[in-house]
């Protein structure tokens, strides 16, 4: 069994940020939980994933 098969993703959450360490290489987030903000957002373009960590290459 390869490493990718052992990785769990958050059901219902898709992600396209391939340079995040939690991105599974397909379209999923593999962290335990996510934090989205800021609290003063008025549209989806105002939000960010505060869980993002750059992938080390």
N, C-alpha and C. Protein backbone atom coordinates (compact mmCIF):
# COMPACT_ATOMS: atom_id res chain seq x y z
N UNK A 1 0.85 -1.19 0.00
CA UNK A 1 0.00 0.00 0.00
C UNK A 1 0.89 1.24 0.00
N UNK A 2 0.69 2.15 -0.95
CA UNK A 2 1.53 3.34 -0.99
C UNK A 2 1.00 4.42 -0.05
N UNK A 3 1.82 5.42 0.19
CA UNK A 3 1.51 6.49 1.14
C UNK A 3 0.20 7.19 0.82
N UNK A 4 -0.08 7.43 -0.44
CA UNK A 4 -1.28 8.15 -0.85
C UNK A 4 -2.56 7.43 -0.42
N UNK A 5 -2.54 6.11 -0.40
CA UNK A 5 -3.71 5.34 0.00
C UNK A 5 -4.03 5.49 1.48
N UNK A 6 -3.05 5.83 2.31
CA UNK A 6 -3.24 5.99 3.74
C UNK A 6 -3.76 7.37 4.12
N UNK A 7 -3.75 8.31 3.21
CA UNK A 7 -4.14 9.69 3.49
C UNK A 7 -5.66 9.82 3.46
N UNK A 8 -6.20 10.40 4.52
CA UNK A 8 -7.63 10.68 4.59
C UNK A 8 -7.87 12.13 4.21
N UNK A 9 -9.01 12.42 3.61
CA UNK A 9 -9.34 13.80 3.30
C UNK A 9 -10.65 14.18 3.97
N UNK A 10 -10.87 15.49 4.07
CA UNK A 10 -12.08 16.00 4.69
C UNK A 10 -13.22 15.83 3.70
N UNK A 11 -14.22 15.04 4.07
CA UNK A 11 -15.37 14.78 3.21
C UNK A 11 -16.10 16.09 2.90
N UNK A 12 -16.38 16.33 1.64
CA UNK A 12 -17.13 17.51 1.22
C UNK A 12 -16.29 18.76 1.01
N UNK A 13 -15.00 18.68 1.27
CA UNK A 13 -14.11 19.84 1.07
C UNK A 13 -13.22 19.56 -0.13
N UNK A 14 -13.31 20.42 -1.14
CA UNK A 14 -12.39 20.30 -2.27
C UNK A 14 -11.39 21.44 -2.20
N UNK A 15 -10.22 21.21 -2.77
CA UNK A 15 -9.16 22.21 -2.72
C UNK A 15 -8.37 22.16 -4.02
N UNK A 16 -8.02 23.32 -4.54
CA UNK A 16 -7.22 23.39 -5.76
C UNK A 16 -5.85 24.02 -5.51
N UNK A 17 -5.49 24.23 -4.26
CA UNK A 17 -4.21 24.86 -3.91
C UNK A 17 -3.13 23.80 -3.83
N UNK A 18 -2.56 23.47 -4.97
CA UNK A 18 -1.60 22.36 -5.06
C UNK A 18 -0.28 22.62 -4.34
N UNK A 19 0.02 23.88 -4.01
CA UNK A 19 1.27 24.16 -3.30
C UNK A 19 1.08 24.19 -1.79
N UNK A 20 -0.05 23.69 -1.29
CA UNK A 20 -0.29 23.57 0.15
C UNK A 20 0.12 22.18 0.60
N UNK A 21 0.74 22.07 1.76
CA UNK A 21 1.19 20.77 2.26
C UNK A 21 0.03 19.82 2.55
N UNK A 22 -1.18 20.32 2.69
CA UNK A 22 -2.34 19.48 2.97
C UNK A 22 -3.09 19.04 1.71
N UNK A 23 -2.67 19.51 0.55
CA UNK A 23 -3.32 19.13 -0.71
C UNK A 23 -2.88 17.71 -1.06
N UNK A 24 -3.83 16.86 -1.46
CA UNK A 24 -3.52 15.45 -1.70
C UNK A 24 -3.00 15.15 -3.11
N UNK A 25 -2.85 16.16 -3.94
CA UNK A 25 -2.38 15.93 -5.30
C UNK A 25 -3.52 15.74 -6.29
N UNK A 26 -4.71 15.58 -5.79
CA UNK A 26 -5.91 15.44 -6.62
C UNK A 26 -6.74 16.71 -6.47
N UNK A 27 -7.67 16.68 -5.53
CA UNK A 27 -8.51 17.87 -5.29
C UNK A 27 -9.04 17.92 -3.87
N UNK A 28 -8.31 17.33 -2.93
CA UNK A 28 -8.79 17.25 -1.55
C UNK A 28 -7.82 17.83 -0.54
N UNK A 29 -8.37 18.23 0.61
CA UNK A 29 -7.59 18.71 1.75
C UNK A 29 -7.43 17.55 2.73
N UNK A 30 -6.20 17.33 3.23
CA UNK A 30 -5.94 16.19 4.10
C UNK A 30 -5.65 16.59 5.55
N UNK A 31 -5.85 17.83 5.92
CA UNK A 31 -5.64 18.22 7.31
C UNK A 31 -6.80 17.71 8.17
N UNK A 32 -6.63 17.74 9.47
CA UNK A 32 -7.68 17.28 10.38
C UNK A 32 -8.87 18.24 10.43
N UNK A 33 -8.58 19.53 10.31
CA UNK A 33 -9.63 20.54 10.32
C UNK A 33 -9.11 21.77 9.58
N UNK A 34 -10.02 22.60 9.12
CA UNK A 34 -9.62 23.82 8.43
C UNK A 34 -10.16 25.03 9.17
N UNK A 35 -9.51 26.15 8.96
CA UNK A 35 -9.93 27.42 9.53
C UNK A 35 -10.04 28.40 8.36
N UNK A 36 -11.23 28.95 8.16
CA UNK A 36 -11.46 29.90 7.08
C UNK A 36 -11.87 31.23 7.69
N UNK A 37 -11.37 32.31 7.15
CA UNK A 37 -11.68 33.64 7.68
C UNK A 37 -11.42 34.66 6.60
N UNK A 38 -11.38 35.90 6.88
CA UNK A 38 -11.57 36.51 8.18
C UNK A 38 -13.05 36.70 8.51
N UNK A 39 -13.32 37.09 9.74
CA UNK A 39 -14.70 37.21 10.19
C UNK A 39 -15.45 38.36 9.51
N UNK A 40 -14.75 39.32 8.92
CA UNK A 40 -15.41 40.47 8.28
C UNK A 40 -15.66 40.28 6.77
N UNK A 41 -15.52 39.06 6.28
CA UNK A 41 -15.71 38.79 4.85
C UNK A 41 -17.16 39.07 4.44
N UNK A 42 -17.33 39.62 3.24
CA UNK A 42 -18.69 39.87 2.74
C UNK A 42 -18.97 39.11 1.45
N UNK A 43 -17.95 38.40 0.92
CA UNK A 43 -18.13 37.54 -0.25
C UNK A 43 -17.05 36.47 -0.24
N UNK A 44 -17.20 35.46 -1.08
CA UNK A 44 -16.22 34.36 -1.10
C UNK A 44 -14.83 34.84 -1.49
N UNK A 45 -14.75 35.92 -2.26
CA UNK A 45 -13.43 36.44 -2.65
C UNK A 45 -12.71 37.11 -1.49
N UNK A 46 -13.42 37.39 -0.41
CA UNK A 46 -12.82 38.00 0.78
C UNK A 46 -12.28 36.95 1.75
N UNK A 47 -12.52 35.67 1.50
CA UNK A 47 -12.13 34.64 2.46
C UNK A 47 -10.78 34.01 2.11
N UNK A 48 -10.16 33.45 3.13
CA UNK A 48 -8.89 32.74 2.96
C UNK A 48 -8.89 31.49 3.83
N UNK A 49 -8.08 30.53 3.47
CA UNK A 49 -7.89 29.34 4.29
C UNK A 49 -6.69 29.61 5.19
N UNK A 50 -6.95 29.83 6.46
CA UNK A 50 -5.88 30.13 7.41
C UNK A 50 -5.07 28.88 7.77
N UNK A 51 -5.51 27.71 7.33
CA UNK A 51 -4.81 26.45 7.58
C UNK A 51 -3.67 26.25 6.59
N UNK A 52 -3.66 26.98 5.49
CA UNK A 52 -2.66 26.84 4.43
C UNK A 52 -1.24 26.88 4.97
N UNK A 53 -0.44 25.91 4.56
CA UNK A 53 1.00 25.90 4.82
C UNK A 53 1.67 25.52 3.51
N UNK A 54 2.68 26.28 3.10
CA UNK A 54 3.35 25.97 1.83
C UNK A 54 3.98 24.58 1.84
N UNK A 55 3.87 23.90 0.73
CA UNK A 55 4.47 22.58 0.56
C UNK A 55 5.97 22.76 0.38
N UNK A 56 6.75 21.94 1.04
CA UNK A 56 8.21 21.97 0.88
C UNK A 56 8.60 21.00 -0.21
N UNK A 57 9.28 21.51 -1.22
CA UNK A 57 9.68 20.68 -2.36
C UNK A 57 11.08 20.19 -2.23
